[in-house]
């Protein structure tokens, strides 16, 4: 004698959080932020062969206020980092970030002062996608894993706030990169002894 026999046909029992999260995961609009060769693979998922429209994500938004998912595809330079952070701050909550490729995840082969060694120094990352570049199938797999993360998440969409003031994701640069002088999320670090001086810097 189960609960199925006590209720009429066509009645579904669930919670408000599950219904909202199912709607969220099926209507995630990506913000286009292609920076390098990974962007070509990101564009391929919009074509008929991979067809990201199956998941309700065919609208790559150029407006951050109408986007839910930022796909950072490619390396992020120190000059581009403030722009990326501004676009992220303009996105409405709840919002998610996918670091596509090894350059966005950890700096990749560009281990120098000009490239941010991981986009998680700028914005909180919800899903990391390795590869150089990752194939479109890998991007779709990462998106599906993010969908599952959204579906099982809290009613607010995120476990915590994602603003810069009290963000639990904020962390200092600990890898071998130079100080980013224009980014509020970075901390002052001592330059390495063998690092080349910046323009206008005396040694």
C-alpha atoms as a PDB file:
ATOM      1  CA  UNK A   1       0.000   0.000   0.000  1.00  0.00           C
ATOM      2  CA  UNK A   2       2.016   2.956  -1.278  1.00  0.00           C
ATOM      3  CA  UNK A   3       1.274   6.640  -1.619  1.00  0.00           C
ATOM      4  CA  UNK A   4       0.672   6.098  -5.336  1.00  0.00           C
ATOM      5  CA  UNK A   5      -2.582   4.298  -4.530  1.00  0.00           C
ATOM      6  CA  UNK A   6      -3.821   7.094  -2.249  1.00  0.00           C
ATOM      7  CA  UNK A   7      -3.609   9.948  -4.757  1.00  0.00           C
ATOM      8  CA  UNK A   8      -5.411  10.277  -8.112  1.00  0.00           C
ATOM      9  CA  UNK A   9      -3.669   9.806 -11.452  1.00  0.00           C
ATOM     10  CA  UNK A  10      -1.802  12.777 -12.897  1.00  0.00           C
ATOM     11  CA  UNK A  11      -0.658  14.178  -9.547  1.00  0.00           C
ATOM     12  CA  UNK A  12       3.059  14.783  -9.097  1.00  0.00           C
ATOM     13  CA  UNK A  13       4.595  15.357  -5.685  1.00  0.00           C
ATOM     14  CA  UNK A  14       7.799  17.375  -5.575  1.00  0.00           C
ATOM     15  CA  UNK A  15       9.338  20.452  -3.999  1.00  0.00           C
ATOM     16  CA  UNK A  16       9.493  24.016  -5.257  1.00  0.00           C
ATOM     17  CA  UNK A  17      13.295  23.845  -5.308  1.00  0.00           C
ATOM     18  CA  UNK A  18      13.293  20.822  -7.631  1.00  0.00           C
ATOM     19  CA  UNK A  19      10.835  22.427 -10.039  1.00  0.00           C
ATOM     20  CA  UNK A  20      12.798  25.688 -10.164  1.00  0.00           C
ATOM     21  CA  UNK A  21      16.110  23.928 -10.644  1.00  0.00           C
ATOM     22  CA  UNK A  22      14.731  21.727 -13.431  1.00  0.00           C
ATOM     23  CA  UNK A  23      13.506  24.880 -15.172  1.00  0.00           C
ATOM     24  CA  UNK A  24      16.881  26.553 -14.599  1.00  0.00           C
ATOM     25  CA  UNK A  25      18.947  23.711 -16.003  1.00  0.00           C
ATOM     26  CA  UNK A  26      16.812  23.552 -19.145  1.00  0.00           C
ATOM     27  CA  UNK A  27      17.029  27.286 -19.855  1.00  0.00           C
ATOM     28  CA  UNK A  28      20.676  28.193 -19.271  1.00  0.00           C
ATOM     29  CA  UNK A  29      21.724  30.957 -21.671  1.00  0.00           C
ATOM     30  CA  UNK A  30      25.477  31.202 -22.200  1.00  0.00           C
ATOM     31  CA  UNK A  31      27.379  34.472 -22.343  1.00  0.00           C
ATOM     32  CA  UNK A  32      29.790  34.444 -25.262  1.00  0.00           C
ATOM     33  CA  UNK A  33      33.315  35.054 -24.022  1.00  0.00           C
ATOM     34  CA  UNK A  34      35.643  33.454 -26.550  1.00  0.00           C
ATOM     35  CA  UNK A  35      39.236  34.550 -26.189  1.00  0.00           C
ATOM     36  CA  UNK A  36      41.349  32.080 -28.155  1.00  0.00           C
ATOM     37  CA  UNK A  37      41.267  28.792 -30.067  1.00  0.00           C
ATOM     38  CA  UNK A  38      38.847  27.194 -27.565  1.00  0.00           C
ATOM     39  CA  UNK A  39      36.216  29.605 -28.862  1.00  0.00           C
ATOM     40  CA  UNK A  40      36.210  27.766 -32.222  1.00  0.00           C
ATOM     41  CA  UNK A  41      35.232  24.559 -30.425  1.00  0.00           C
ATOM     42  CA  UNK A  42      32.609  26.495 -28.461  1.00  0.00           C
ATOM     43  CA  UNK A  43      31.145  27.816 -31.729  1.00  0.00           C
ATOM     44  CA  UNK A  44      30.980  24.265 -33.088  1.00  0.00           C
ATOM     45  CA  UNK A  45      28.476  23.165 -30.443  1.00  0.00           C
ATOM     46  CA  UNK A  46      26.001  25.650 -31.889  1.00  0.00           C
ATOM     47  CA  UNK A  47      26.094  23.934 -35.282  1.00  0.00           C
ATOM     48  CA  UNK A  48      23.838  21.121 -36.478  1.00  0.00           C
ATOM     49  CA  UNK A  49      26.373  18.363 -35.776  1.00  0.00           C
ATOM     50  CA  UNK A  50      26.429  18.898 -31.999  1.00  0.00           C
ATOM     51  CA  UNK A  51      23.286  21.040 -31.657  1.00  0.00           C
ATOM     52  CA  UNK A  52      23.399  22.689 -28.253  1.00  0.00           C
ATOM     53  CA  UNK A  53      19.791  23.771 -28.914  1.00  0.00           C
ATOM     54  CA  UNK A  54      18.759  20.333 -27.609  1.00  0.00           C
ATOM     55  CA  UNK A  55      19.448  21.700 -24.141  1.00  0.00           C
ATOM     56  CA  UNK A  56      17.809  25.101 -24.648  1.00  0.00           C
ATOM     57  CA  UNK A  57      21.183  26.852 -24.922  1.00  0.00           C
ATOM     58  CA  UNK A  58      21.270  27.980 -28.537  1.00  0.00           C
ATOM     59  CA  UNK A  59      21.065  31.648 -27.582  1.00  0.00           C
ATOM     60  CA  UNK A  60      24.624  32.818 -26.967  1.00  0.00           C
ATOM     61  CA  UNK A  61      23.866  36.125 -25.353  1.00  0.00           C
ATOM     62  CA  UNK A  62      25.875  39.255 -26.054  1.00  0.00           C
ATOM     63  CA  UNK A  63      24.092  40.906 -23.137  1.00  0.00           C
ATOM     64  CA  UNK A  64      25.389  39.759 -19.727  1.00  0.00           C
ATOM     65  CA  UNK A  65      22.131  40.769 -18.043  1.00  0.00           C
ATOM     66  CA  UNK A  66      20.333  38.087 -20.045  1.00  0.00           C
ATOM     67  CA  UNK A  67      22.906  35.337 -19.543  1.00  0.00           C
ATOM     68  CA  UNK A  68      23.224  32.634 -16.900  1.00  0.00           C
ATOM     69  CA  UNK A  69      26.437  30.818 -17.823  1.00  0.00           C
ATOM     70  CA  UNK A  70      29.779  32.390 -18.672  1.00  0.00           C
ATOM     71  CA  UNK A  71      31.914  30.040 -20.776  1.00  0.00           C
ATOM     72  CA  UNK A  72      35.480  31.373 -20.584  1.00  0.00           C
ATOM     73  CA  UNK A  73      37.024  29.837 -23.689  1.00  0.00           C
ATOM     74  CA  UNK A  74      40.732  30.574 -23.962  1.00  0.00           C
ATOM     75  CA  UNK A  75      43.538  32.325 -22.156  1.00  0.00           C
ATOM     76  CA  UNK A  76      42.784  35.434 -20.092  1.00  0.00           C
ATOM     77  CA  UNK A  77      45.362  38.208 -20.225  1.00  0.00           C
ATOM     78  CA  UNK A  78      45.898  40.661 -17.407  1.00  0.00           C
ATOM     79  CA  UNK A  79      44.349  43.406 -19.549  1.00  0.00           C
ATOM     80  CA  UNK A  80      41.261  41.311 -20.287  1.00  0.00           C
ATOM     81  CA  UNK A  81      40.732  40.223 -16.668  1.00  0.00           C
ATOM     82  CA  UNK A  82      38.983  43.448 -15.491  1.00  0.00           C
ATOM     83  CA  UNK A  83      36.652  43.243 -18.503  1.00  0.00           C
ATOM     84  CA  UNK A  84      35.807  39.629 -17.686  1.00  0.00           C
ATOM     85  CA  UNK A  85      35.079  40.572 -14.073  1.00  0.00           C
ATOM     86  CA  UNK A  86      32.867  43.482 -15.139  1.00  0.00           C
ATOM     87  CA  UNK A  87      30.812  41.276 -17.439  1.00  0.00           C
ATOM     88  CA  UNK A  88      30.503  38.674 -14.697  1.00  0.00           C
ATOM     89  CA  UNK A  89      29.275  41.276 -12.208  1.00  0.00           C
ATOM     90  CA  UNK A  90      26.642  42.440 -14.709  1.00  0.00           C
ATOM     91  CA  UNK A  91      25.157  38.940 -14.954  1.00  0.00           C
ATOM     92  CA  UNK A  92      22.114  38.358 -12.775  1.00  0.00           C
ATOM     93  CA  UNK A  93      21.995  35.758 -10.017  1.00  0.00           C
ATOM     94  CA  UNK A  94      22.082  32.811 -10.068  1.00  0.00           C
ATOM     95  CA  UNK A  95      24.991  32.569 -12.498  1.00  0.00           C
ATOM     96  CA  UNK A  96      27.585  29.978 -13.297  1.00  0.00           C
ATOM     97  CA  UNK A  97      31.072  29.930 -14.834  1.00  0.00           C
ATOM     98  CA  UNK A  98      32.644  27.209 -16.953  1.00  0.00           C
ATOM     99  CA  UNK A  99      36.416  27.390 -17.528  1.00  0.00           C
ATOM    100  CA  UNK A 100      36.899  25.857 -20.965  1.00  0.00           C
ATOM    101  CA  UNK A 101      40.364  24.561 -21.787  1.00  0.00           C
ATOM    102  CA  UNK A 102      43.595  24.318 -19.871  1.00  0.00           C
ATOM    103  CA  UNK A 103      44.457  27.999 -20.451  1.00  0.00           C
ATOM    104  CA  UNK A 104      41.303  29.225 -18.732  1.00  0.00           C
ATOM    105  CA  UNK A 105      41.630  26.599 -16.003  1.00  0.00           C
ATOM    106  CA  UNK A 106      45.280  27.059 -15.042  1.00  0.00           C
ATOM    107  CA  UNK A 107      47.088  29.279 -17.560  1.00  0.00           C
ATOM    108  CA  UNK A 108      48.186  26.298 -19.631  1.00  0.00           C
ATOM    109  CA  UNK A 109      51.423  26.644 -21.541  1.00  0.00           C
ATOM    110  CA  UNK A 110      51.410  30.435 -21.069  1.00  0.00           C
ATOM    111  CA  UNK A 111      53.281  30.513 -17.781  1.00  0.00           C
ATOM    112  CA  UNK A 112      54.231  34.184 -17.816  1.00  0.00           C
ATOM    113  CA  UNK A 113      53.322  37.551 -16.337  1.00  0.00           C
ATOM    114  CA  UNK A 114      50.900  38.493 -19.123  1.00  0.00           C
ATOM    115  CA  UNK A 115      48.410  35.630 -18.639  1.00  0.00           C
ATOM    116  CA  UNK A 116      46.232  35.049 -15.581  1.00  0.00           C
ATOM    117  CA  UNK A 117      47.149  31.625 -14.213  1.00  0.00           C
ATOM    118  CA  UNK A 118      43.605  30.384 -13.933  1.00  0.00           C
ATOM    119  CA  UNK A 119      40.374  32.325 -14.357  1.00  0.00           C
ATOM    120  CA  UNK A 120      39.388  31.326 -10.811  1.00  0.00           C
ATOM    121  CA  UNK A 121      41.540  34.232  -9.648  1.00  0.00           C
ATOM    122  CA  UNK A 122      39.009  36.569 -11.269  1.00  0.00           C
ATOM    123  CA  UNK A 123      35.625  34.852 -10.977  1.00  0.00           C
ATOM    124  CA  UNK A 124      34.338  31.788  -9.086  1.00  0.00           C
ATOM    125  CA  UNK A 125      34.418  28.736 -11.359  1.00  0.00           C
ATOM    126  CA  UNK A 126      31.730  26.059 -11.137  1.00  0.00           C
ATOM    127  CA  UNK A 127      33.065  23.625 -13.747  1.00  0.00           C
ATOM    128  CA  UNK A 128      36.559  23.033 -15.140  1.00  0.00           C
ATOM    129  CA  UNK A 129      36.998  21.525 -18.602  1.00  0.00           C
ATOM    130  CA  UNK A 130      40.527  20.316 -19.470  1.00  0.00           C
ATOM    131  CA  UNK A 131      41.970  19.969 -22.943  1.00  0.00           C
ATOM    132  CA  UNK A 132      43.912  21.976 -25.485  1.00  0.00           C
ATOM    133  CA  UNK A 133      41.511  22.600 -27.023  1.00  0.00           C
ATOM    134  CA  UNK A 134      38.683  20.420 -25.710  1.00  0.00           C
ATOM    135  CA  UNK A 135      36.454  18.951 -28.382  1.00  0.00           C
ATOM    136  CA  UNK A 136      32.800  20.023 -28.633  1.00  0.00           C
ATOM    137  CA  UNK A 137      31.740  16.669 -27.176  1.00  0.00           C
ATOM    138  CA  UNK A 138      33.779  17.452 -24.075  1.00  0.00           C
ATOM    139  CA  UNK A 139      32.096  20.847 -23.749  1.00  0.00           C
ATOM    140  CA  UNK A 140      28.675  19.224 -24.004  1.00  0.00           C
ATOM    141  CA  UNK A 141      29.693  16.706 -21.341  1.00  0.00           C
ATOM    142  CA  UNK A 142      30.815  19.510 -19.019  1.00  0.00           C
ATOM    143  CA  UNK A 143      27.547  21.371 -19.638  1.00  0.00           C
ATOM    144  CA  UNK A 144      25.545  18.242 -18.791  1.00  0.00           C
ATOM    145  CA  UNK A 145      27.533  17.830 -15.581  1.00  0.00           C
ATOM    146  CA  UNK A 146      26.807  21.468 -14.764  1.00  0.00           C
ATOM    147  CA  UNK A 147      23.116  20.824 -15.474  1.00  0.00           C
ATOM    148  CA  UNK A 148      23.174  18.025 -12.917  1.00  0.00           C
ATOM    149  CA  UNK A 149      24.866  20.349 -10.438  1.00  0.00           C
ATOM    150  CA  UNK A 150      22.150  22.970 -11.005  1.00  0.00           C
ATOM    151  CA  UNK A 151      19.360  20.393 -10.737  1.00  0.00           C
ATOM    152  CA  UNK A 152      20.532  19.119  -7.349  1.00  0.00           C
ATOM    153  CA  UNK A 153      21.425  22.547  -5.960  1.00  0.00           C
ATOM    154  CA  UNK A 154      19.543  24.702  -3.449  1.00  0.00           C
ATOM    155  CA  UNK A 155      16.547  26.842  -4.312  1.00  0.00           C
ATOM    156  CA  UNK A 156      18.769  29.925  -4.539  1.00  0.00           C
ATOM    157  CA  UNK A 157      20.684  28.288  -7.380  1.00  0.00           C
ATOM    158  CA  UNK A 158      24.068  28.625  -5.690  1.00  0.00           C
ATOM    159  CA  UNK A 159      25.539  27.428  -2.419  1.00  0.00           C
ATOM    160  CA  UNK A 160      26.807  30.903  -1.568  1.00  0.00           C
ATOM    161  CA  UNK A 161      26.947  34.451  -2.817  1.00  0.00           C
ATOM    162  CA  UNK A 162      29.141  35.199  -5.790  1.00  0.00           C
ATOM    163  CA  UNK A 163      29.850  38.881  -5.306  1.00  0.00           C
ATOM    164  CA  UNK A 164      33.391  40.000  -4.754  1.00  0.00           C
ATOM    165  CA  UNK A 165      32.887  41.549  -1.298  1.00  0.00           C
ATOM    166  CA  UNK A 166      32.201  38.401   0.723  1.00  0.00           C
ATOM    167  CA  UNK A 167      32.813  35.711  -1.858  1.00  0.00           C
ATOM    168  CA  UNK A 168      34.175  32.462  -0.440  1.00  0.00           C
ATOM    169  CA  UNK A 169      35.855  31.814  -3.790  1.00  0.00           C
ATOM    170  CA  UNK A 170      38.201  34.764  -3.470  1.00  0.00           C
ATOM    171  CA  UNK A 171      41.796  33.654  -3.121  1.00  0.00           C
ATOM    172  CA  UNK A 172      45.211  35.195  -3.656  1.00  0.00           C
ATOM    173  CA  UNK A 173      47.528  34.364  -6.498  1.00  0.00           C
ATOM    174  CA  UNK A 174      49.883  31.664  -5.277  1.00  0.00           C
ATOM    175  CA  UNK A 175      51.271  30.501  -8.594  1.00  0.00           C
ATOM    176  CA  UNK A 176      54.179  31.970 -10.494  1.00  0.00           C
ATOM    177  CA  UNK A 177      52.645  35.053 -12.023  1.00  0.00           C
ATOM    178  CA  UNK A 178      53.276  38.756 -11.605  1.00  0.00           C
ATOM    179  CA  UNK A 179      51.130  41.143  -9.623  1.00  0.00           C
ATOM    180  CA  UNK A 180      47.937  42.206 -11.358  1.00  0.00           C
ATOM    181  CA  UNK A 181      47.821  45.863 -10.415  1.00  0.00           C
ATOM    182  CA  UNK A 182      44.307  46.603 -11.620  1.00  0.00           C
ATOM    183  CA  UNK A 183      42.405  43.647 -10.145  1.00  0.00           C
ATOM    184  CA  UNK A 184      40.787  43.927  -6.700  1.00  0.00           C
ATOM    185  CA  UNK A 185      40.839  40.151  -6.182  1.00  0.00           C
ATOM    186  CA  UNK A 186      44.634  39.917  -6.305  1.00  0.00           C
ATOM    187  CA  UNK A 187      46.978  40.457  -3.412  1.00  0.00           C
ATOM    188  CA  UNK A 188      50.380  42.086  -3.452  1.00  0.00           C
ATOM    189  CA  UNK A 189      53.086  39.489  -3.923  1.00  0.00           C
ATOM    190  CA  UNK A 190      56.836  39.907  -3.916  1.00  0.00           C
ATOM    191  CA  UNK A 191      58.258  39.687  -7.439  1.00  0.00           C
ATOM    192  CA  UNK A 192      60.583  36.839  -8.162  1.00  0.00           C
ATOM    193  CA  UNK A 193      64.273  37.550  -8.196  1.00  0.00           C
ATOM    194  CA  UNK A 194      64.744  36.294 -11.743  1.00  0.00           C
ATOM    195  CA  UNK A 195      61.606  37.920 -13.167  1.00  0.00           C
ATOM    196  CA  UNK A 196      61.974  40.606 -15.791  1.00  0.00           C
ATOM    197  CA  UNK A 197      61.074  44.097 -14.556  1.00  0.00           C
ATOM    198  CA  UNK A 198      57.854  45.708 -15.646  1.00  0.00           C
ATOM    199  CA  UNK A 199      58.028  48.816 -17.888  1.00  0.00           C
ATOM    200  CA  UNK A 200      59.097  51.791 -15.788  1.00  0.00           C
ATOM    201  CA  UNK A 201      60.207  49.580 -12.912  1.00  0.00           C
ATOM    202  CA  UNK A 202      63.721  50.061 -11.544  1.00  0.00           C
ATOM    203  CA  UNK A 203      65.795  47.142 -10.348  1.00  0.00           C
END
